[in-house]
Full PDB file with SEQRES, HELIX, SHEET, SSBOND, CRYST1, ORIGX, SCALE, CONECT and MASTER records, all heavy atoms in Angstrom:
SEQRES   1 A   40  ALA GLY ALA GLN ARG ASP TRP LEU ALA ALA GLY ALA GLY          
SEQRES   2 A   40  THR ARG ILE PRO PRO GLY GLN GLU ARG PRO GLY ASP LEU          
SEQRES   3 A   40  ILE PHE TRP ASP SER TYR LEU GLY PRO ASN ALA ILE GLY          
SEQRES   4 A   40  HIS                                                          
HELIX    1 AA1 GLY A    2  TRP A    7  1                                   6    
HELIX    2 AA2 LEU A    8  ALA A   12  3                                   5    
CRYST1    1.000    1.000    1.000  90.00  90.00  90.00 P 1           1          
ORIGX1      1.000000  0.000000  0.000000        0.00000                         
ORIGX2      0.000000  1.000000  0.000000        0.00000                         
ORIGX3      0.000000  0.000000  1.000000        0.00000                         
SCALE1      1.000000  0.000000  0.000000        0.00000                         
SCALE2      0.000000  1.000000  0.000000        0.00000                         
SCALE3      0.000000  0.000000  1.000000        0.00000                         
ATOM      1  N   ALA A   1       0.800  -1.226   0.001  1.00  0.00           N  
ATOM      2  CA  ALA A   1      -0.005  -0.012  -0.006  1.00  0.00           C  
ATOM      3  C   ALA A   1       0.875   1.226  -0.028  1.00  0.00           C  
ATOM      4  O   ALA A   1       0.604   2.190  -0.760  1.00  0.00           O  
ATOM      5  CB  ALA A   1      -0.962   0.001   1.225  1.00  0.00           C  
ATOM      6  N   GLY A   2       1.905   1.301   0.822  1.00  0.00           N  
ATOM      7  CA  GLY A   2       2.725   2.480   0.888  1.00  0.00           C  
ATOM      8  C   GLY A   2       3.441   2.702  -0.451  1.00  0.00           C  
ATOM      9  O   GLY A   2       3.565   3.874  -0.882  1.00  0.00           O  
ATOM     10  N   ALA A   3       3.939   1.649  -1.087  1.00  0.00           N  
ATOM     11  CA  ALA A   3       4.623   1.823  -2.390  1.00  0.00           C  
ATOM     12  C   ALA A   3       3.657   2.258  -3.447  1.00  0.00           C  
ATOM     13  O   ALA A   3       3.998   2.963  -4.339  1.00  0.00           O  
ATOM     14  CB  ALA A   3       5.345   0.556  -2.733  1.00  0.00           C  
ATOM     15  N   GLN A   4       2.450   1.721  -3.351  1.00  0.00           N  
ATOM     16  CA  GLN A   4       1.394   2.153  -4.369  1.00  0.00           C  
ATOM     17  C   GLN A   4       1.116   3.644  -4.244  1.00  0.00           C  
ATOM     18  O   GLN A   4       1.040   4.357  -5.216  1.00  0.00           O  
ATOM     19  CB  GLN A   4       0.119   1.339  -4.132  1.00  0.00           C  
ATOM     20  CG  GLN A   4       0.264  -0.117  -4.566  1.00  0.00           C  
ATOM     21  CD  GLN A   4      -0.939  -0.950  -4.197  1.00  0.00           C  
ATOM     22  OE1 GLN A   4      -1.934  -0.444  -3.771  1.00  0.00           O  
ATOM     23  NE2 GLN A   4      -0.818  -2.275  -4.384  1.00  0.00           N  
ATOM     24  N   ARG A   5       1.008   4.123  -2.979  1.00  0.00           N  
ATOM     25  CA  ARG A   5       0.765   5.526  -2.838  1.00  0.00           C  
ATOM     26  C   ARG A   5       1.921   6.386  -3.377  1.00  0.00           C  
ATOM     27  O   ARG A   5       1.755   7.385  -4.112  1.00  0.00           O  
ATOM     28  CB  ARG A   5       0.502   5.819  -1.367  1.00  0.00           C  
ATOM     29  CG  ARG A   5       0.266   7.350  -1.050  1.00  0.00           C  
ATOM     30  CD  ARG A   5       1.565   8.037  -0.722  1.00  0.00           C  
ATOM     31  NE  ARG A   5       1.330   9.517  -0.560  1.00  0.00           N  
ATOM     32  CZ  ARG A   5       2.336  10.359  -0.668  1.00  0.00           C  
ATOM     33  NH1 ARG A   5       3.535   9.991  -1.018  1.00  0.00           N  
ATOM     34  NH2 ARG A   5       2.086  11.661  -0.491  1.00  0.00           N  
ATOM     35  N   ASP A   6       3.156   5.957  -3.101  1.00  0.00           N  
ATOM     36  CA  ASP A   6       4.336   6.679  -3.544  1.00  0.00           C  
ATOM     37  C   ASP A   6       4.409   6.631  -5.044  1.00  0.00           C  
ATOM     38  O   ASP A   6       4.874   7.593  -5.720  1.00  0.00           O  
ATOM     39  CB  ASP A   6       5.589   6.098  -2.942  1.00  0.00           C  
ATOM     40  CG  ASP A   6       5.700   6.513  -1.454  1.00  0.00           C  
ATOM     41  OD1 ASP A   6       4.904   7.342  -0.960  1.00  0.00           O  
ATOM     42  OD2 ASP A   6       6.585   5.895  -0.774  1.00  0.00           O  
ATOM     43  N   TRP A   7       4.068   5.509  -5.661  1.00  0.00           N  
ATOM     44  CA  TRP A   7       4.072   5.353  -7.110  1.00  0.00           C  
ATOM     45  C   TRP A   7       3.104   6.401  -7.745  1.00  0.00           C  
ATOM     46  O   TRP A   7       3.422   7.067  -8.768  1.00  0.00           O  
ATOM     47  CB  TRP A   7       3.703   3.951  -7.475  1.00  0.00           C  
ATOM     48  CG  TRP A   7       3.457   3.659  -8.891  1.00  0.00           C  
ATOM     49  CD1 TRP A   7       4.370   3.455  -9.876  1.00  0.00           C  
ATOM     50  CD2 TRP A   7       2.189   3.451  -9.511  1.00  0.00           C  
ATOM     51  NE1 TRP A   7       3.773   3.123 -11.071  1.00  0.00           N  
ATOM     52  CE2 TRP A   7       2.414   3.158 -10.892  1.00  0.00           C  
ATOM     53  CE3 TRP A   7       0.916   3.543  -9.073  1.00  0.00           C  
ATOM     54  CZ2 TRP A   7       1.378   2.910 -11.759  1.00  0.00           C  
ATOM     55  CZ3 TRP A   7      -0.155   3.283  -9.959  1.00  0.00           C  
ATOM     56  CH2 TRP A   7       0.104   2.972 -11.277  1.00  0.00           C  
ATOM     57  N   LEU A   8       1.938   6.501  -7.173  1.00  0.00           N  
ATOM     58  CA  LEU A   8       0.961   7.474  -7.667  1.00  0.00           C  
ATOM     59  C   LEU A   8       1.503   8.931  -7.489  1.00  0.00           C  
ATOM     60  O   LEU A   8       1.394   9.776  -8.385  1.00  0.00           O  
ATOM     61  CB  LEU A   8      -0.382   7.328  -6.935  1.00  0.00           C  
ATOM     62  CG  LEU A   8      -1.106   6.032  -7.242  1.00  0.00           C  
ATOM     63  CD1 LEU A   8      -2.190   5.768  -6.172  1.00  0.00           C  
ATOM     64  CD2 LEU A   8      -1.744   6.071  -8.612  1.00  0.00           C  
ATOM     65  N   ALA A   9       2.071   9.161  -6.329  1.00  0.00           N  
ATOM     66  CA  ALA A   9       2.613  10.506  -6.056  1.00  0.00           C  
ATOM     67  C   ALA A   9       3.783  10.834  -6.940  1.00  0.00           C  
ATOM     68  O   ALA A   9       4.013  12.028  -7.193  1.00  0.00           O  
ATOM     69  CB  ALA A   9       3.041  10.610  -4.617  1.00  0.00           C  
ATOM     70  N   ALA A  10       4.488   9.825  -7.421  1.00  0.00           N  
ATOM     71  CA  ALA A  10       5.667  10.107  -8.319  1.00  0.00           C  
ATOM     72  C   ALA A  10       5.243  10.478  -9.687  1.00  0.00           C  
ATOM     73  O   ALA A  10       6.101  10.766 -10.552  1.00  0.00           O  
ATOM     74  CB  ALA A  10       6.563   8.861  -8.362  1.00  0.00           C  
ATOM     75  N   GLY A  11       3.935  10.493 -10.049  1.00  0.00           N  
ATOM     76  CA  GLY A  11       3.485  10.919 -11.339  1.00  0.00           C  
ATOM     77  C   GLY A  11       2.488  10.049 -12.015  1.00  0.00           C  
ATOM     78  O   GLY A  11       2.003  10.409 -13.052  1.00  0.00           O  
ATOM     79  N   ALA A  12       2.132   8.941 -11.354  1.00  0.00           N  
ATOM     80  CA  ALA A  12       1.153   8.000 -11.958  1.00  0.00           C  
ATOM     81  C   ALA A  12      -0.253   8.268 -11.547  1.00  0.00           C  
ATOM     82  O   ALA A  12      -1.157   7.570 -11.963  1.00  0.00           O  
ATOM     83  CB  ALA A  12       1.518   6.529 -11.654  1.00  0.00           C  
ATOM     84  N   GLY A  13      -0.479   9.277 -10.704  1.00  0.00           N  
ATOM     85  CA  GLY A  13      -1.829   9.594 -10.214  1.00  0.00           C  
ATOM     86  C   GLY A  13      -2.035  11.018  -9.823  1.00  0.00           C  
ATOM     87  O   GLY A  13      -1.098  11.840  -9.877  1.00  0.00           O  
ATOM     88  N   THR A  14      -3.238  11.279  -9.423  1.00  0.00           N  
ATOM     89  CA  THR A  14      -3.599  12.647  -8.973  1.00  0.00           C  
ATOM     90  C   THR A  14      -4.204  12.615  -7.600  1.00  0.00           C  
ATOM     91  O   THR A  14      -5.050  11.761  -7.317  1.00  0.00           O  
ATOM     92  CB  THR A  14      -4.670  13.241  -9.973  1.00  0.00           C  
ATOM     93  OG1 THR A  14      -4.165  13.233 -11.324  1.00  0.00           O  
ATOM     94  CG2 THR A  14      -5.093  14.656  -9.571  1.00  0.00           C  
ATOM     95  N   ARG A  15      -3.709  13.508  -6.748  1.00  0.00           N  
ATOM     96  CA  ARG A  15      -4.245  13.540  -5.376  1.00  0.00           C  
ATOM     97  C   ARG A  15      -5.653  14.186  -5.433  1.00  0.00           C  
ATOM     98  O   ARG A  15      -5.857  15.212  -6.046  1.00  0.00           O  
ATOM     99  CB  ARG A  15      -3.381  14.404  -4.461  1.00  0.00           C  
ATOM    100  CG  ARG A  15      -3.813  14.629  -3.020  1.00  0.00           C  
ATOM    101  CD  ARG A  15      -3.359  13.429  -2.181  1.00  0.00           C  
ATOM    102  NE  ARG A  15      -3.766  13.636  -0.740  1.00  0.00           N  
ATOM    103  CZ  ARG A  15      -2.956  14.133   0.167  1.00  0.00           C  
ATOM    104  NH1 ARG A  15      -1.737  14.516  -0.114  1.00  0.00           N  
ATOM    105  NH2 ARG A  15      -3.448  14.266   1.424  1.00  0.00           N  
ATOM    106  N   ILE A  16      -6.614  13.555  -4.728  1.00  0.00           N  
ATOM    107  CA  ILE A  16      -7.996  13.975  -4.756  1.00  0.00           C  
ATOM    108  C   ILE A  16      -8.493  14.477  -3.379  1.00  0.00           C  
ATOM    109  O   ILE A  16      -8.243  13.730  -2.364  1.00  0.00           O  
ATOM    110  CB  ILE A  16      -8.907  12.772  -5.209  1.00  0.00           C  
ATOM    111  CG1 ILE A  16      -8.439  12.271  -6.579  1.00  0.00           C  
ATOM    112  CG2 ILE A  16     -10.382  13.220  -5.271  1.00  0.00           C  
ATOM    113  CD1 ILE A  16      -8.469  13.292  -7.719  1.00  0.00           C  
ATOM    114  N   PRO A  17      -9.057  15.642  -3.269  1.00  0.00           N  
ATOM    115  CA  PRO A  17      -9.552  16.060  -1.974  1.00  0.00           C  
ATOM    116  C   PRO A  17     -10.662  15.129  -1.477  1.00  0.00           C  
ATOM    117  O   PRO A  17     -11.476  14.699  -2.292  1.00  0.00           O  
ATOM    118  CB  PRO A  17     -10.054  17.495  -2.208  1.00  0.00           C  
ATOM    119  CG  PRO A  17      -9.420  17.876  -3.531  1.00  0.00           C  
ATOM    120  CD  PRO A  17      -9.244  16.626  -4.314  1.00  0.00           C  
ATOM    121  N   PRO A  18     -10.741  14.878  -0.196  1.00  0.00           N  
ATOM    122  CA  PRO A  18     -11.891  14.096   0.351  1.00  0.00           C  
ATOM    123  C   PRO A  18     -13.238  14.702  -0.062  1.00  0.00           C  
ATOM    124  O   PRO A  18     -13.371  15.944  -0.005  1.00  0.00           O  
ATOM    125  CB  PRO A  18     -11.682  14.165   1.865  1.00  0.00           C  
ATOM    126  CG  PRO A  18     -10.158  14.362   2.014  1.00  0.00           C  
ATOM    127  CD  PRO A  18      -9.755  15.241   0.873  1.00  0.00           C  
ATOM    128  N   GLY A  19     -14.134  13.861  -0.448  1.00  0.00           N  
ATOM    129  CA  GLY A  19     -15.436  14.351  -0.904  1.00  0.00           C  
ATOM    130  C   GLY A  19     -15.547  14.431  -2.394  1.00  0.00           C  
ATOM    131  O   GLY A  19     -16.663  14.586  -2.912  1.00  0.00           O  
ATOM    132  N   GLN A  20     -14.394  14.418  -3.059  1.00  0.00           N  
ATOM    133  CA  GLN A  20     -14.439  14.452  -4.561  1.00  0.00           C  
ATOM    134  C   GLN A  20     -13.997  13.132  -5.179  1.00  0.00           C  
ATOM    135  O   GLN A  20     -13.770  13.097  -6.412  1.00  0.00           O  
ATOM    136  CB  GLN A  20     -13.506  15.558  -5.041  1.00  0.00           C  
ATOM    137  CG  GLN A  20     -13.962  16.969  -4.539  1.00  0.00           C  
ATOM    138  CD  GLN A  20     -13.089  18.046  -5.112  1.00  0.00           C  
ATOM    139  OE1 GLN A  20     -12.450  17.902  -6.175  1.00  0.00           O  
ATOM    140  NE2 GLN A  20     -13.042  19.180  -4.413  1.00  0.00           N  
ATOM    141  N   GLU A  21     -13.952  12.041  -4.366  1.00  0.00           N  
ATOM    142  CA  GLU A  21     -13.514  10.780  -4.942  1.00  0.00           C  
ATOM    143  C   GLU A  21     -14.593  10.193  -5.874  1.00  0.00           C  
ATOM    144  O   GLU A  21     -15.754  10.513  -5.861  1.00  0.00           O  
ATOM    145  CB  GLU A  21     -13.261   9.760  -3.804  1.00  0.00           C  
ATOM    146  CG  GLU A  21     -14.454   9.464  -2.931  1.00  0.00           C  
ATOM    147  CD  GLU A  21     -14.534  10.379  -1.712  1.00  0.00           C  
ATOM    148  OE1 GLU A  21     -13.975  11.503  -1.742  1.00  0.00           O  
ATOM    149  OE2 GLU A  21     -15.152   9.962  -0.702  1.00  0.00           O  
ATOM    150  N   ARG A  22     -14.086   9.353  -6.805  1.00  0.00           N  
ATOM    151  CA  ARG A  22     -14.967   8.650  -7.748  1.00  0.00           C  
ATOM    152  C   ARG A  22     -14.738   7.169  -7.670  1.00  0.00           C  
ATOM    153  O   ARG A  22     -13.757   6.684  -7.107  1.00  0.00           O  
ATOM    154  CB  ARG A  22     -14.579   9.097  -9.220  1.00  0.00           C  
ATOM    155  CG  ARG A  22     -14.728  10.609  -9.464  1.00  0.00           C  
ATOM    156  CD  ARG A  22     -14.274  10.876 -10.929  1.00  0.00           C  
ATOM    157  NE  ARG A  22     -14.273  12.288 -11.199  1.00  0.00           N  
ATOM    158  CZ  ARG A  22     -13.693  12.780 -12.307  1.00  0.00           C  
ATOM    159  NH1 ARG A  22     -13.115  11.994 -13.202  1.00  0.00           N  
ATOM    160  NH2 ARG A  22     -13.722  14.095 -12.541  1.00  0.00           N  
ATOM    161  N   PRO A  23     -15.633   6.399  -8.256  1.00  0.00           N  
ATOM    162  CA  PRO A  23     -15.419   4.930  -8.324  1.00  0.00           C  
ATOM    163  C   PRO A  23     -14.065   4.575  -8.954  1.00  0.00           C  
ATOM    164  O   PRO A  23     -13.739   5.152  -9.990  1.00  0.00           O  
ATOM    165  CB  PRO A  23     -16.575   4.395  -9.174  1.00  0.00           C  
ATOM    166  CG  PRO A  23     -17.659   5.414  -8.931  1.00  0.00           C  
ATOM    167  CD  PRO A  23     -16.964   6.701  -8.839  1.00  0.00           C  
ATOM    168  N   GLY A  24     -13.331   3.668  -8.333  1.00  0.00           N  
ATOM    169  CA  GLY A  24     -12.039   3.276  -8.871  1.00  0.00           C  
ATOM    170  C   GLY A  24     -10.848   3.981  -8.182  1.00  0.00           C  
ATOM    171  O   GLY A  24      -9.701   3.563  -8.340  1.00  0.00           O  
ATOM    172  N   ASP A  25     -11.127   5.121  -7.490  1.00  0.00           N  
ATOM    173  CA  ASP A  25     -10.059   5.811  -6.800  1.00  0.00           C  
ATOM    174  C   ASP A  25      -9.550   4.913  -5.637  1.00  0.00           C  
ATOM    175  O   ASP A  25     -10.273   3.980  -5.183  1.00  0.00           O  
ATOM    176  CB  ASP A  25     -10.539   7.115  -6.193  1.00  0.00           C  
ATOM    177  CG  ASP A  25     -10.806   8.153  -7.266  1.00  0.00           C  
ATOM    178  OD1 ASP A  25     -10.412   7.922  -8.447  1.00  0.00           O  
ATOM    179  OD2 ASP A  25     -11.421   9.203  -6.957  1.00  0.00           O  
ATOM    180  N   LEU A  26      -8.348   5.199  -5.204  1.00  0.00           N  
ATOM    181  CA  LEU A  26      -7.727   4.492  -4.083  1.00  0.00           C  
ATOM    182  C   LEU A  26      -7.635   5.347  -2.858  1.00  0.00           C  
ATOM    183  O   LEU A  26      -7.264   6.550  -2.972  1.00  0.00           O  
ATOM    184  CB  LEU A  26      -6.372   3.948  -4.481  1.00  0.00           C  
ATOM    185  CG  LEU A  26      -6.299   2.944  -5.662  1.00  0.00           C  
ATOM    186  CD1 LEU A  26      -4.831   2.614  -5.996  1.00  0.00           C  
ATOM    187  CD2 LEU A  26      -7.027   1.667  -5.303  1.00  0.00           C  
ATOM    188  N   ILE A  27      -8.024   4.774  -1.692  1.00  0.00           N  
ATOM    189  CA  ILE A  27      -7.850   5.514  -0.412  1.00  0.00           C  
ATOM    190  C   ILE A  27      -6.813   4.771   0.420  1.00  0.00           C  
ATOM    191  O   ILE A  27      -6.846   3.573   0.570  1.00  0.00           O  
ATOM    192  CB  ILE A  27      -9.159   5.607   0.333  1.00  0.00           C  
ATOM    193  CG1 ILE A  27     -10.223   6.196  -0.571  1.00  0.00           C  
ATOM    194  CG2 ILE A  27      -8.994   6.481   1.574  1.00  0.00           C  
ATOM    195  CD1 ILE A  27     -11.628   6.301   0.072  1.00  0.00           C  
ATOM    196  N   PHE A  28      -5.837   5.508   0.947  1.00  0.00           N  
ATOM    197  CA  PHE A  28      -4.779   4.988   1.809  1.00  0.00           C  
ATOM    198  C   PHE A  28      -4.866   5.610   3.171  1.00  0.00           C  
ATOM    199  O   PHE A  28      -5.132   6.748   3.354  1.00  0.00           O  
ATOM    200  CB  PHE A  28      -3.437   5.373   1.183  1.00  0.00           C  
ATOM    201  CG  PHE A  28      -3.204   4.894  -0.232  1.00  0.00           C  
ATOM    202  CD1 PHE A  28      -3.574   5.675  -1.301  1.00  0.00           C  
ATOM    203  CD2 PHE A  28      -2.625   3.641  -0.460  1.00  0.00           C  
ATOM    204  CE1 PHE A  28      -3.340   5.248  -2.611  1.00  0.00           C  
ATOM    205  CE2 PHE A  28      -2.406   3.178  -1.771  1.00  0.00           C  
ATOM    206  CZ  PHE A  28      -2.772   4.024  -2.807  1.00  0.00           C  
ATOM    207  N   TRP A  29      -4.565   4.772   4.199  1.00  0.00           N  
ATOM    208  CA  TRP A  29      -4.406   5.299   5.520  1.00  0.00           C  
ATOM    209  C   TRP A  29      -3.428   4.445   6.350  1.00  0.00           C  
ATOM    210  O   TRP A  29      -3.023   3.382   5.941  1.00  0.00           O  
ATOM    211  CB  TRP A  29      -5.718   5.386   6.236  1.00  0.00           C  
ATOM    212  CG  TRP A  29      -6.534   4.162   6.399  1.00  0.00           C  
ATOM    213  CD1 TRP A  29      -6.319   3.078   7.277  1.00  0.00           C  
ATOM    214  CD2 TRP A  29      -7.794   3.837   5.742  1.00  0.00           C  
ATOM    215  NE1 TRP A  29      -7.314   2.158   7.199  1.00  0.00           N  
ATOM    216  CE2 TRP A  29      -8.247   2.578   6.259  1.00  0.00           C  
ATOM    217  CE3 TRP A  29      -8.570   4.472   4.801  1.00  0.00           C  
ATOM    218  CZ2 TRP A  29      -9.415   1.967   5.847  1.00  0.00           C  
ATOM    219  CZ3 TRP A  29      -9.738   3.861   4.421  1.00  0.00           C  
ATOM    220  CH2 TRP A  29     -10.118   2.638   4.898  1.00  0.00           C  
ATOM    221  N   ASP A  30      -2.961   5.029   7.454  1.00  0.00           N  
ATOM    222  CA  ASP A  30      -2.034   4.313   8.330  1.00  0.00           C  
ATOM    223  C   ASP A  30      -2.776   3.256   9.190  1.00  0.00           C  
ATOM    224  O   ASP A  30      -3.984   3.431   9.484  1.00  0.00           O  
ATOM    225  CB  ASP A  30      -1.263   5.302   9.264  1.00  0.00           C  
ATOM    226  CG  ASP A  30      -2.258   6.119  10.148  1.00  0.00           C  
ATOM    227  OD1 ASP A  30      -2.945   6.951   9.606  1.00  0.00           O  
ATOM    228  OD2 ASP A  30      -2.254   5.857  11.332  1.00  0.00           O  
ATOM    229  N   SER A  31      -2.069   2.232   9.534  1.00  0.00           N  
ATOM    230  CA  SER A  31      -2.668   1.191  10.352  1.00  0.00           C  
ATOM    231  C   SER A  31      -1.607   0.521  11.185  1.00  0.00           C  
ATOM    232  O   SER A  31      -0.959   1.146  12.066  1.00  0.00           O  
ATOM    233  CB  SER A  31      -3.498   0.208   9.535  1.00  0.00           C  
ATOM    234  OG  SER A  31      -2.672  -0.484   8.623  1.00  0.00           O  
ATOM    235  N   TYR A  32      -1.359  -0.755  10.941  1.00  0.00           N  
ATOM    236  CA  TYR A  32      -0.513  -1.555  11.782  1.00  0.00           C  
ATOM    237  C   TYR A  32       0.965  -1.228  11.678  1.00  0.00           C  
ATOM    238  O   TYR A  32       1.792  -1.641  12.531  1.00  0.00           O  
ATOM    239  CB  TYR A  32      -0.681  -3.089  11.486  1.00  0.00           C  
ATOM    240  CG  TYR A  32      -0.082  -3.485  10.140  1.00  0.00           C  
ATOM    241  CD1 TYR A  32       1.152  -4.144  10.095  1.00  0.00           C  
ATOM    242  CD2 TYR A  32      -0.730  -3.177   8.956  1.00  0.00           C  
ATOM    243  CE1 TYR A  32       1.677  -4.492   8.847  1.00  0.00           C  
ATOM    244  CE2 TYR A  32      -0.215  -3.516   7.768  1.00  0.00           C  
ATOM    245  CZ  TYR A  32       0.997  -4.241   7.700  1.00  0.00           C  
ATOM    246  OH  TYR A  32       1.536  -4.549   6.506  1.00  0.00           O  
ATOM    247  N   LEU A  33       1.421  -0.499  10.660  1.00  0.00           N  
ATOM    248  CA  LEU A  33       2.810  -0.149  10.497  1.00  0.00           C  
ATOM    249  C   LEU A  33       3.232   1.151  11.240  1.00  0.00           C  
ATOM    250  O   LEU A  33       4.321   1.602  11.100  1.00  0.00           O  
ATOM    251  CB  LEU A  33       3.155   0.029   8.982  1.00  0.00           C  
ATOM    252  CG  LEU A  33       3.135  -1.240   8.174  1.00  0.00           C  
ATOM    253  CD1 LEU A  33       3.335  -0.992   6.690  1.00  0.00           C  
ATOM    254  CD2 LEU A  33       4.247  -2.223   8.686  1.00  0.00           C  
ATOM    255  N   GLY A  34       2.358   1.649  12.057  1.00  0.00           N  
ATOM    256  CA  GLY A  34       2.683   2.845  12.821  1.00  0.00           C  
ATOM    257  C   GLY A  34       2.112   4.153  12.177  1.00  0.00           C  
ATOM    258  O   GLY A  34       1.598   4.121  11.073  1.00  0.00           O  
ATOM    259  N   PRO A  35       2.242   5.245  12.897  1.00  0.00           N  
ATOM    260  CA  PRO A  35       1.605   6.446  12.505  1.00  0.00           C  
ATOM    261  C   PRO A  35       2.239   7.136  11.226  1.00  0.00           C  
ATOM    262  O   PRO A  35       1.595   8.010  10.677  1.00  0.00           O  
ATOM    263  CB  PRO A  35       1.728   7.404  13.731  1.00  0.00           C  
ATOM    264  CG  PRO A  35       2.926   6.878  14.427  1.00  0.00           C  
ATOM    265  CD  PRO A  35       2.977   5.384  14.229  1.00  0.00           C  
ATOM    266  N   ASN A  36       3.470   6.737  10.875  1.00  0.00           N  
ATOM    267  CA  ASN A  36       4.144   7.415   9.768  1.00  0.00           C  
ATOM    268  C   ASN A  36       4.152   6.629   8.505  1.00  0.00           C  
ATOM    269  O   ASN A  36       4.842   6.992   7.505  1.00  0.00           O  
ATOM    270  CB  ASN A  36       5.576   7.777  10.171  1.00  0.00           C  
ATOM    271  CG  ASN A  36       5.632   8.717  11.333  1.00  0.00           C  
ATOM    272  OD1 ASN A  36       4.781   9.553  11.485  1.00  0.00           O  
ATOM    273  ND2 ASN A  36       6.621   8.609  12.147  1.00  0.00           N  
ATOM    274  N   ALA A  37       3.503   5.478   8.466  1.00  0.00           N  
ATOM    275  CA  ALA A  37       3.510   4.590   7.286  1.00  0.00           C  
ATOM    276  C   ALA A  37       2.103   4.188   6.887  1.00  0.00           C  
ATOM    277  O   ALA A  37       1.281   3.854   7.730  1.00  0.00           O  
ATOM    278  CB  ALA A  37       4.365   3.372   7.592  1.00  0.00           C  
ATOM    279  N   ILE A  38       1.866   4.137   5.622  1.00  0.00           N  
ATOM    280  CA  ILE A  38       0.577   3.667   5.077  1.00  0.00           C  
ATOM    281  C   ILE A  38       0.514   2.161   5.263  1.00  0.00           C  
ATOM    282  O   ILE A  38       1.472   1.463   4.869  1.00  0.00           O  
ATOM    283  CB  ILE A  38       0.422   4.077   3.610  1.00  0.00           C  
ATOM    284  CG1 ILE A  38       0.201   5.577   3.482  1.00  0.00           C  
ATOM    285  CG2 ILE A  38      -0.753   3.338   2.969  1.00  0.00           C  
ATOM    286  CD1 ILE A  38       0.306   6.112   2.071  1.00  0.00           C  
ATOM    287  N   GLY A  39      -0.590   1.650   5.755  1.00  0.00           N  
ATOM    288  CA  GLY A  39      -0.719   0.234   5.995  1.00  0.00           C  
ATOM    289  C   GLY A  39      -1.915  -0.380   5.417  1.00  0.00           C  
ATOM    290  O   GLY A  39      -2.151  -1.592   5.475  1.00  0.00           O  
ATOM    291  N   HIS A  40      -2.799   0.445   4.784  1.00  0.00           N  
ATOM    292  CA  HIS A  40      -4.048  -0.161   4.239  1.00  0.00           C  
ATOM    293  C   HIS A  40      -4.465   0.670   2.996  1.00  0.00           C  
ATOM    294  O   HIS A  40      -4.244   1.858   2.937  1.00  0.00           O  
ATOM    295  CB  HIS A  40      -5.153  -0.105   5.278  1.00  0.00           C  
ATOM    296  CG  HIS A  40      -6.333  -0.996   4.864  1.00  0.00           C  
ATOM    297  ND1 HIS A  40      -6.242  -2.339   4.787  1.00  0.00           N  
ATOM    298  CD2 HIS A  40      -7.621  -0.638   4.541  1.00  0.00           C  
ATOM    299  CE1 HIS A  40      -7.432  -2.885   4.422  1.00  0.00           C  
ATOM    300  NE2 HIS A  40      -8.263  -1.872   4.243  1.00  0.00           N  
TER     301      HIS A  40                                                      
MASTER        0    0    0    2    0    0    0    6  300    1    0    4          
END                                                                             
C-alpha cells in the first residue's frame, strides 16, 4: 500500500480532496505499520 501511494505521487496519479472521490479511486491510511507509514 505504501509503495502504491508513492508510485501514484511520483506521477502516476492525481491527489483527490476528500469528498471528490470517484469509483475506482484508491484511499490509503495508516494502520499496523505505525503512524508514519501507510498500511491499508
